[in-house]
Protein backbone atom coordinates (compact mmCIF):
# COMPACT_ATOMS: atom_id res chain seq x y z
CA MET A 1 -62.54 -32.87 -38.62
CA ASN A 2 -63.72 -29.27 -39.28
CA SER A 3 -60.74 -27.18 -40.44
CA ASP A 4 -62.53 -23.92 -39.57
CA LYS A 5 -63.03 -25.14 -35.98
CA ILE A 6 -59.34 -26.01 -35.71
CA ALA A 7 -58.42 -22.63 -37.15
CA TYR A 8 -60.46 -20.57 -34.66
CA LEU A 9 -59.18 -22.63 -31.69
CA ASP A 10 -55.69 -22.00 -32.97
CA GLU A 11 -56.44 -18.25 -33.19
CA LEU A 12 -57.61 -18.29 -29.55
CA GLY A 13 -54.18 -19.58 -28.44
CA PHE A 14 -54.78 -23.33 -28.11
CA ALA A 15 -51.52 -25.10 -29.02
CA ASP A 16 -53.08 -28.40 -30.13
CA PRO A 17 -56.74 -28.01 -31.21
CA VAL A 18 -56.77 -31.46 -32.82
CA LYS A 19 -55.83 -33.13 -29.55
CA MET A 20 -58.47 -31.09 -27.74
CA ILE A 21 -61.24 -32.11 -30.11
CA ARG A 22 -60.23 -35.78 -29.91
CA SER A 23 -60.26 -35.53 -26.12
CA TYR A 24 -63.63 -33.75 -26.05
CA PRO A 25 -65.47 -34.15 -29.41
CA GLU A 26 -68.32 -31.91 -28.20
CA ILE A 27 -66.02 -28.94 -28.88
CA ALA A 28 -66.80 -29.38 -32.57
CA GLY A 29 -70.40 -28.35 -31.90
CA LEU A 30 -69.55 -25.19 -29.91
CA ARG A 31 -69.68 -21.80 -31.52
CA SER A 32 -66.50 -19.73 -31.43
CA ASP A 33 -68.35 -16.95 -29.56
CA ASN A 34 -69.23 -19.42 -26.78
CA VAL A 35 -65.59 -20.47 -26.42
CA ARG A 36 -64.45 -16.83 -26.31
CA ARG A 37 -67.11 -16.04 -23.71
CA LYS A 38 -66.04 -19.00 -21.54
CA ILE A 39 -62.44 -17.80 -21.64
CA ALA A 40 -63.53 -14.29 -20.65
CA ASP A 41 -65.76 -15.62 -17.84
CA LEU A 42 -62.95 -17.76 -16.44
CA ARG A 43 -60.66 -14.75 -16.51
CA ASP A 44 -63.30 -12.77 -14.61
CA LEU A 45 -63.34 -15.50 -11.94
CA GLY A 46 -59.62 -14.94 -11.39
CA PHE A 47 -58.01 -17.56 -13.62
CA ALA A 48 -54.87 -16.07 -15.17
CA ASP A 49 -54.59 -18.52 -18.06
CA PRO A 50 -57.98 -19.96 -19.07
CA VAL A 51 -56.58 -21.27 -22.37
CA LYS A 52 -54.07 -23.44 -20.50
CA MET A 53 -56.82 -24.68 -18.19
CA ILE A 54 -59.10 -25.63 -21.06
CA SER A 55 -56.23 -27.28 -22.94
CA TYR A 56 -55.62 -29.49 -19.90
CA PHE A 57 -59.33 -30.20 -19.27
CA PRO A 58 -61.43 -29.37 -22.39
CA GLN A 59 -64.60 -30.51 -20.61
CA ILE A 60 -64.62 -27.10 -18.94
CA LEU A 61 -66.18 -25.78 -22.13
CA GLY A 62 -69.26 -27.91 -21.43
CA LEU A 63 -69.76 -26.56 -17.91
CA GLY A 64 -71.96 -23.56 -17.22
CA ILE A 65 -70.15 -20.61 -15.69
CA ASP A 66 -72.67 -20.58 -12.84
CA ASN A 67 -71.75 -24.21 -12.10
CA ILE A 68 -68.07 -23.29 -12.04
CA ARG A 69 -68.79 -20.32 -9.78
CA GLY A 70 -70.79 -22.60 -7.48
CA ARG A 71 -67.98 -25.16 -7.38
CA MET A 72 -65.56 -22.44 -6.30
CA ALA A 73 -67.90 -21.45 -3.48
CA ASP A 74 -68.29 -25.10 -2.42
CA LEU A 75 -64.52 -25.59 -2.30
CA ARG A 76 -64.13 -22.45 -0.20
CA ALA A 77 -66.81 -23.76 2.19
CA LEU A 78 -64.81 -26.99 2.58
CA GLY A 79 -61.82 -24.99 3.82
CA PHE A 80 -59.87 -24.32 0.65
CA SER A 81 -58.75 -20.71 0.98
CA ASP A 82 -57.75 -20.30 -2.67
CA PRO A 83 -59.98 -22.41 -4.93
CA VAL A 84 -58.76 -20.56 -8.01
CA LYS A 85 -55.17 -21.65 -7.40
CA MET A 86 -56.31 -25.17 -6.61
CA VAL A 87 -58.38 -25.52 -9.79
CA THR A 88 -55.60 -23.92 -11.82
CA LEU A 89 -53.26 -26.70 -10.66
CA ASN A 90 -55.81 -29.40 -11.49
CA PRO A 91 -58.72 -28.16 -13.64
CA ALA A 92 -60.25 -31.66 -13.64
CA ILE A 93 -61.56 -30.86 -10.15
CA LEU A 94 -64.36 -28.96 -11.88
CA GLY A 95 -65.57 -32.27 -13.27
CA LEU A 96 -65.92 -33.90 -9.84
CA GLY A 97 -69.15 -33.90 -7.83
CA ILE A 98 -68.89 -31.86 -4.65
CA ASP A 99 -70.31 -34.80 -2.68
CA ASN A 100 -67.47 -36.94 -4.03
CA ILE A 101 -64.97 -34.34 -2.88
CA ARG A 102 -66.54 -34.20 0.59
CA GLY A 103 -66.46 -38.01 0.74
CA LYS A 104 -62.80 -38.09 -0.30
CA MET A 105 -61.91 -35.65 2.47
CA ALA A 106 -63.75 -37.77 5.04
CA SER A 107 -62.08 -40.95 3.80
CA LEU A 108 -58.63 -39.38 3.98
CA ARG A 109 -59.34 -38.36 7.56
CA GLU A 110 -60.37 -41.95 8.37
CA LEU A 111 -57.05 -43.19 6.96
CA GLY A 112 -55.23 -41.06 9.53
CA PHE A 113 -54.56 -37.84 7.64
CA SER A 114 -55.18 -35.03 10.11
CA ASP A 115 -55.47 -32.23 7.54
CA PRO A 116 -56.86 -33.50 4.21
CA VAL A 117 -57.52 -29.94 3.07
CA LYS A 118 -53.82 -29.06 3.33
CA MET A 119 -52.91 -32.27 1.51
CA VAL A 120 -55.28 -31.64 -1.37
CA ARG A 121 -54.22 -28.00 -1.54
CA SER A 122 -50.64 -29.19 -1.99
CA SER A 123 -51.54 -31.86 -4.52
CA PRO A 124 -55.07 -31.41 -5.95
CA ALA A 125 -54.63 -34.55 -8.07
CA ILE A 126 -55.40 -36.54 -4.89
CA LEU A 127 -59.08 -35.86 -5.47
CA GLY A 128 -58.85 -37.99 -8.61
CA TYR A 129 -57.39 -41.04 -6.84
CA ALA A 130 -59.67 -43.83 -5.67
CA ILE A 131 -59.57 -44.17 -1.88
CA GLY A 132 -58.80 -47.89 -2.37
CA THR A 133 -55.71 -46.93 -4.37
CA ILE A 134 -54.56 -44.60 -1.59
CA ARG A 135 -55.15 -47.32 1.01
CA ASP A 136 -53.11 -49.79 -1.08
CA LYS A 137 -50.28 -47.25 -1.45
CA LEU A 138 -50.08 -46.85 2.35
CA ALA A 139 -49.98 -50.63 2.77
CA GLY A 140 -47.29 -50.94 0.08
CA LEU A 141 -45.13 -48.30 1.76
CA ARG A 142 -45.51 -50.08 5.09
CA GLU A 143 -44.39 -53.35 3.49
CA LEU A 144 -41.27 -51.60 2.19
CA GLY A 145 -40.30 -50.67 5.74
CA PHE A 146 -41.79 -47.20 6.17
CA ALA A 147 -42.97 -47.02 9.78
CA ASP A 148 -45.41 -44.16 9.25
CA PRO A 149 -46.63 -43.99 5.63
CA VAL A 150 -49.31 -41.45 6.55
CA LYS A 151 -46.67 -39.03 7.81
CA ILE A 152 -44.56 -39.47 4.64
CA VAL A 153 -47.53 -38.92 2.34
CA THR A 154 -48.60 -35.91 4.40
CA SER A 155 -45.13 -34.46 3.88
CA LEU A 156 -45.16 -35.17 0.14
CA PRO A 157 -48.69 -35.97 -1.14
CA ALA A 158 -47.31 -36.40 -4.66
CA ILE A 159 -46.03 -39.82 -3.51
CA LEU A 160 -49.56 -41.09 -4.10
CA GLY A 161 -48.90 -40.61 -7.80
CA TYR A 162 -45.67 -42.64 -7.82
CA GLY A 163 -45.83 -46.29 -8.87
CA MET A 164 -44.76 -48.82 -6.23
CA GLY A 165 -42.34 -50.29 -8.78
CA ASN A 166 -40.66 -46.90 -9.11
CA ILE A 167 -40.39 -46.54 -5.33
CA ARG A 168 -38.86 -50.01 -4.99
CA GLY A 169 -36.45 -49.17 -7.78
CA LYS A 170 -35.40 -45.91 -6.09
CA ILE A 171 -34.70 -47.78 -2.83
CA ALA A 172 -32.60 -50.35 -4.70
CA ASN A 173 -30.70 -47.61 -6.55
CA LEU A 174 -29.95 -45.71 -3.34
CA ARG A 175 -28.62 -48.90 -1.80
CA GLU A 176 -26.36 -49.42 -4.83
CA LEU A 177 -24.99 -45.90 -4.36
CA GLY A 178 -23.87 -46.84 -0.84
CA PHE A 179 -26.79 -45.73 1.33
CA SER A 180 -27.26 -48.45 3.92
CA ASN A 181 -30.77 -47.38 4.89
CA PRO A 182 -32.60 -45.85 1.90
CA VAL A 183 -35.94 -46.03 3.69
CA LYS A 184 -34.58 -43.79 6.44
CA ILE A 185 -33.25 -41.35 3.82
CA ILE A 186 -36.66 -41.15 2.11
CA THR A 187 -38.49 -40.90 5.44
CA SER A 188 -36.34 -37.92 6.39
CA PHE A 189 -36.58 -36.31 2.95
CA PRO A 190 -39.53 -37.74 0.97
CA THR A 191 -38.78 -35.37 -1.92
CA SER A 192 -35.82 -37.62 -2.74
CA LEU A 193 -38.31 -39.99 -4.38
CA GLY A 194 -38.87 -37.36 -7.03
CA LEU A 195 -35.18 -37.03 -7.88
CA THR A 196 -33.65 -39.13 -10.63
CA ILE A 197 -30.90 -41.49 -9.56
CA GLU A 198 -28.61 -39.73 -12.05
CA ASN A 199 -29.14 -36.44 -10.18
CA ILE A 200 -28.32 -38.10 -6.87
CA ARG A 201 -25.22 -39.76 -8.32
CA THR A 202 -24.10 -36.40 -9.73
CA ARG A 203 -24.67 -34.73 -6.35
CA ILE A 204 -22.43 -37.31 -4.67
CA ASP A 205 -19.70 -36.70 -7.26
CA ASP A 206 -20.03 -32.90 -6.92
CA LEU A 207 -19.75 -33.06 -3.12
CA ARG A 208 -16.67 -35.24 -3.43
CA GLY A 209 -15.28 -32.71 -5.91
CA ILE A 210 -15.44 -29.84 -3.39
CA GLY A 211 -13.73 -31.79 -0.63
CA PHE A 212 -16.26 -34.02 1.13
CA ALA A 213 -14.45 -37.30 1.80
CA ASP A 214 -17.65 -39.30 2.33
CA PRO A 215 -20.59 -37.63 0.54
CA VAL A 216 -22.86 -40.61 1.20
CA LYS A 217 -22.34 -40.23 4.96
CA THR A 218 -22.92 -36.47 4.73
CA ILE A 219 -26.17 -36.94 2.81
CA THR A 220 -27.26 -39.68 5.20
CA SER A 221 -26.85 -37.23 8.09
CA SER A 222 -28.89 -34.57 6.30
CA PRO A 223 -30.78 -35.90 3.24
CA THR A 224 -32.16 -32.42 2.50
CA ILE A 225 -28.76 -31.71 0.92
CA LEU A 226 -30.16 -33.53 -2.11
CA GLY A 227 -32.66 -30.71 -2.52
CA LEU A 228 -30.09 -27.89 -2.48
CA ALA A 229 -28.60 -26.47 -5.66
CA MET A 230 -24.91 -27.25 -6.02
CA ASP A 231 -24.10 -23.60 -6.70
CA ASN A 232 -25.72 -22.69 -3.38
CA ILE A 233 -23.61 -25.28 -1.57
CA ARG A 234 -20.41 -23.96 -3.19
CA GLY A 235 -21.48 -20.44 -2.30
CA LYS A 236 -22.15 -21.38 1.33
CA ILE A 237 -18.69 -22.98 1.64
CA ALA A 238 -17.07 -19.86 0.16
CA SER A 239 -19.06 -17.53 2.43
CA LEU A 240 -18.12 -19.54 5.54
CA ARG A 241 -14.48 -19.27 4.54
CA GLU A 242 -14.87 -15.49 4.17
CA LEU A 243 -16.27 -15.32 7.70
CA GLY A 244 -13.03 -16.85 9.01
CA PHE A 245 -13.84 -20.55 9.19
CA ALA A 246 -10.65 -22.31 8.11
CA ASP A 247 -12.27 -25.60 7.11
CA PRO A 248 -15.94 -25.11 6.13
CA VAL A 249 -16.11 -28.59 4.60
CA LYS A 250 -15.15 -30.15 7.94
CA MET A 251 -17.79 -28.01 9.67
CA VAL A 252 -20.51 -29.05 7.24
CA THR A 253 -19.41 -32.69 7.50
CA SER A 254 -19.88 -32.40 11.27
CA LEU A 255 -23.25 -30.62 10.95
CA PRO A 256 -24.67 -30.89 7.40
CA THR A 257 -27.73 -28.83 8.34
CA ILE A 258 -25.46 -25.76 8.23
CA LEU A 259 -26.06 -25.77 4.48
CA GLY A 260 -29.68 -24.85 5.19
CA TYR A 261 -28.86 -21.83 7.37
CA ALA A 262 -28.99 -18.37 5.80
CA MET A 263 -25.63 -16.57 5.82
CA ASN A 264 -27.23 -13.56 7.50
CA SER A 265 -28.29 -15.82 10.36
CA ILE A 266 -24.74 -17.15 10.73
CA ARG A 267 -23.30 -13.63 10.68
CA GLY A 268 -25.89 -12.60 13.25
CA ARG A 269 -24.99 -15.50 15.51
CA ILE A 270 -21.31 -14.54 15.39
CA ALA A 271 -22.21 -10.95 16.31
CA ASP A 272 -24.53 -12.13 19.12
CA LEU A 273 -21.83 -14.33 20.65
CA ARG A 274 -19.36 -11.47 20.49
CA GLU A 275 -21.86 -9.24 22.33
CA LEU A 276 -22.18 -11.90 25.04
CA GLY A 277 -18.43 -11.65 25.64
CA VAL A 278 -17.13 -14.51 23.54
CA ALA A 279 -13.75 -13.33 22.25
CA ASP A 280 -13.54 -15.69 19.28
CA PRO A 281 -17.03 -16.83 18.14
CA VAL A 282 -15.64 -18.38 14.94
CA ARG A 283 -13.36 -20.66 16.91
CA MET A 284 -16.20 -21.56 19.27
CA ILE A 285 -18.57 -22.42 16.41
CA THR A 286 -15.83 -24.40 14.66
CA TYR A 287 -15.49 -26.56 17.78
CA PHE A 288 -19.25 -26.93 18.25
CA PRO A 289 -21.14 -26.11 15.00
CA SER A 290 -24.47 -26.98 16.61
CA ILE A 291 -24.38 -23.55 18.24
CA LEU A 292 -25.70 -22.24 14.93
CA GLY A 293 -28.92 -24.17 15.52
CA LEU A 294 -29.51 -22.76 19.01
CA GLY A 295 -31.58 -19.64 19.54
CA ILE A 296 -29.60 -16.71 20.96
CA ASP A 297 -32.22 -16.30 23.70
CA ASN A 298 -31.58 -19.93 24.70
CA ILE A 299 -27.85 -19.24 24.86
CA ARG A 300 -28.40 -16.13 27.00
CA GLY A 301 -30.71 -18.15 29.22
CA ARG A 302 -28.15 -20.92 29.62
CA ILE A 303 -25.47 -18.42 30.67
CA ALA A 304 -27.89 -16.91 33.20
CA ASP A 305 -28.76 -20.39 34.51
CA LEU A 306 -25.08 -21.26 34.96
CA ARG A 307 -24.53 -18.04 36.87
CA GLU A 308 -27.46 -18.91 39.16
CA LEU A 309 -25.86 -22.31 39.84
CA GLY A 310 -22.78 -20.56 41.17
CA PHE A 311 -20.49 -20.36 38.15
CA SER A 312 -18.81 -16.95 38.32
CA GLU A 313 -17.64 -16.87 34.70
CA PRO A 314 -20.17 -18.80 32.60
CA VAL A 315 -19.09 -17.16 29.34
CA LYS A 316 -15.51 -18.27 29.87
CA MET A 317 -16.75 -21.71 30.82
CA VAL A 318 -18.93 -22.04 27.71
CA THR A 319 -16.13 -20.72 25.53
CA SER A 320 -13.84 -23.40 26.94
CA SER A 321 -16.41 -26.16 26.44
CA PRO A 322 -19.13 -25.03 23.98
CA THR A 323 -20.92 -28.38 24.14
CA ILE A 324 -22.33 -27.25 27.50
CA LEU A 325 -24.80 -25.18 25.50
CA GLY A 326 -26.29 -28.40 24.16
CA LEU A 327 -27.00 -29.80 27.64
CA ALA A 328 -30.30 -29.33 29.49
CA ILE A 329 -29.91 -27.15 32.58
CA ASP A 330 -31.62 -29.85 34.66
CA ASN A 331 -28.87 -32.28 33.62
CA ILE A 332 -26.19 -29.81 34.67
CA ARG A 333 -27.96 -29.23 37.98
CA GLY A 334 -28.21 -33.01 38.42
CA ARG A 335 -24.51 -33.50 37.69
CA ILE A 336 -23.56 -31.01 40.39
CA ALA A 337 -25.85 -32.87 42.81
CA ASP A 338 -24.20 -36.18 41.79
CA LEU A 339 -20.72 -34.84 42.52
CA ARG A 340 -21.86 -33.52 45.87
CA GLU A 341 -23.45 -36.90 46.66
CA LEU A 342 -20.13 -38.62 45.90
CA GLY A 343 -18.47 -36.46 48.53
CA PHE A 344 -16.76 -33.73 46.51
CA ASN A 345 -16.78 -30.47 48.46
CA ASP A 346 -16.94 -27.98 45.60
CA PRO A 347 -18.61 -29.44 42.46
CA VAL A 348 -18.96 -25.99 40.89
CA LYS A 349 -15.21 -25.44 41.11
CA MET A 350 -14.59 -28.93 39.70
CA VAL A 351 -16.84 -28.32 36.70
CA THR A 352 -15.35 -24.87 36.18
CA SER A 353 -11.91 -26.47 36.01
CA ARG A 354 -13.03 -29.36 33.80
CA PRO A 355 -16.35 -28.55 32.10
CA ALA A 356 -16.19 -31.78 30.08
CA ILE A 357 -17.33 -33.63 33.23
CA LEU A 358 -20.84 -32.46 32.41
CA GLY A 359 -20.88 -34.44 29.17
CA TYR A 360 -20.17 -37.91 30.58
CA ALA A 361 -22.79 -40.52 31.40
CA ARG A 362 -23.96 -40.58 35.02
CA GLU A 363 -22.82 -44.19 35.51
CA ARG A 364 -19.29 -43.31 34.38
CA VAL A 365 -19.18 -40.33 36.74
CA PHE A 366 -20.21 -42.50 39.69
CA ILE A 367 -17.69 -45.26 38.91
CA CYS A 368 -14.81 -42.80 38.58
CA GLY A 369 -16.04 -40.73 41.52
CA ARG A 370 -16.11 -43.72 43.86
CA ILE A 371 -12.61 -44.76 42.75
CA VAL A 372 -11.25 -41.29 43.56
CA MET A 373 -13.11 -41.00 46.87
CA ARG A 374 -11.55 -44.28 48.08
CA LEU A 375 -8.01 -42.97 47.58
CA GLU A 376 -5.98 -42.10 50.69
CA GLU A 377 -4.88 -38.77 49.25
CA ARG A 378 -7.10 -37.29 46.60
CA THR A 379 -7.78 -34.09 44.72
CA ASP A 380 -10.77 -33.04 42.67
CA ASN A 381 -8.51 -32.91 39.63
CA MET A 382 -8.13 -36.70 39.72
CA LEU A 383 -11.73 -37.27 38.65
CA GLY A 384 -11.23 -35.21 35.50
CA ARG A 385 -8.05 -37.12 34.66
CA LEU A 386 -9.55 -40.57 35.19
CA ILE A 387 -12.96 -40.06 33.59
CA LYS A 388 -11.48 -39.33 30.15
CA GLU A 389 -9.86 -42.78 29.95
CA SER A 390 -11.50 -45.59 27.97
CA ARG A 391 -14.19 -47.64 29.70
CA ALA A 392 -11.92 -50.72 29.66
CA VAL A 393 -9.25 -48.82 31.59
CA ILE A 394 -11.78 -47.43 34.08
CA ASP A 395 -13.25 -50.89 34.68
CA ALA A 396 -9.77 -52.31 35.27
CA VAL A 397 -9.04 -49.62 37.85
CA ALA A 398 -12.39 -50.22 39.56
CA VAL A 399 -11.73 -53.97 39.85
CA ALA A 400 -8.24 -53.39 41.32
CA GLN A 401 -9.59 -51.07 44.05
CA PRO A 402 -6.38 -49.00 44.31
CA ARG A 403 -5.68 -46.96 47.46
CA THR A 404 -3.36 -44.33 45.97
CA TRP A 405 -3.25 -42.25 42.82
CA THR A 406 0.13 -43.80 42.06
CA ASP A 407 -1.58 -47.19 41.92
CA VAL A 408 -4.29 -45.77 39.66
CA HIS A 409 -1.68 -44.29 37.35
CA ALA A 410 0.21 -47.58 37.18
CA ILE A 411 -2.94 -49.48 36.13
CA VAL A 412 -3.78 -46.87 33.50
CA VAL A 413 -0.26 -47.00 32.03
CA ALA A 414 -0.25 -50.81 32.04
CA LYS A 415 -3.59 -50.97 30.20
CA ARG A 416 -2.41 -48.42 27.64
CA ASP A 417 0.81 -50.36 27.03
CA LEU A 418 -1.16 -53.57 26.61
CA ARG A 419 -3.46 -51.93 24.08
CA ARG A 420 -0.50 -50.56 22.08
CA SER A 421 1.14 -53.98 22.16
CA ARG A 422 -2.00 -55.66 20.79
CA LYS A 423 -2.35 -53.07 18.02
CA ALA A 424 1.28 -53.56 17.03
CA ASP A 425 0.81 -57.33 17.02
CA ILE A 426 -2.27 -57.06 14.79
CA ALA A 427 -0.44 -54.68 12.47
CA SER A 428 2.52 -57.04 12.13
CA ARG A 429 0.24 -59.99 11.37
CA THR A 430 -1.51 -57.94 8.70
CA VAL A 431 1.82 -57.13 7.04
CA GLU A 432 2.86 -60.78 7.10
């Protein structure tokens, strides 16, 4: 091997000239001026680090600069807005025929990928995979239980470069860590396939260390937590505490996606709620963290809708029962119609008094409503008191067909006593 050739490649900044020459022996026949000119030409085309490109794909030195310029134009014509960036990520693209690239795009579309250009832009290495290999990967993912492999690969095209053995191993490892449905975890957050099992295990330990009683459950609810830096999670918990939330860990356990919200957005939501007339936004969010995921315009609209339905103090009502904000206005309108159909004279007043009525299933409302309407002396308040009981208690009352509230109360108390007695009996047997 020519020592002078190695020396001048070394002078040009190539870290491993020997490896380059072994990979592309034709380099040995190129004059140093030609190599320098190619580097300069590539820089003129917009490539920031031609030496790195050539080190990765030495065959570039054998391509005419006009051919490279033409390839860039062809890629742009195919819909790639930044061919320079694309080729920088995978210089081997310059060695592919443009007809092959067009064919690969068409084949990907036939497999169900709606935007092959976006996929390839994200992971240019796809152009180097045989379409049969991609088809087999989709089939393999489907066999593992992934309902929509195309969607998963679209989300993370790099999956096409993962071996099926590695994917099976990751699923098995996740199951060993306590995740009951690893496929669901990966479907929700495909990037988890790129994380080492040691990193995931460490994340579980770290979450437990800052107070999460069941990190596996928390991650299952929001797998994207695996992609967040632990320092950011600690910082988010500290910032929530500074804003007045007494138990940020409990909040995040209830709604793990909070970890993905910017603190400025959370501060803004608190300020917005205060402007709407909510006296204690922190308390309201603590009770119903999902408020942080609702647009403020949607909240304003819901308050306006409630006012149109006849509620005189919607802000007070929402403050009392924040979960109302998570209900569709058509469902609220329907619930009022249901109560009126059952025979209650003032459904709006009933809901104002007990907003939780809006959150119960329609069947439950009708069962309890009919029980109350059959009573000889009844008040609207009785529905709210009965509907919160367990379904077993409600069914027992319905079967008994009581005529007075006293009878209803007696059945409720009897069922509660029976349940306590059974629990005590089970507990005593366990001790024995």
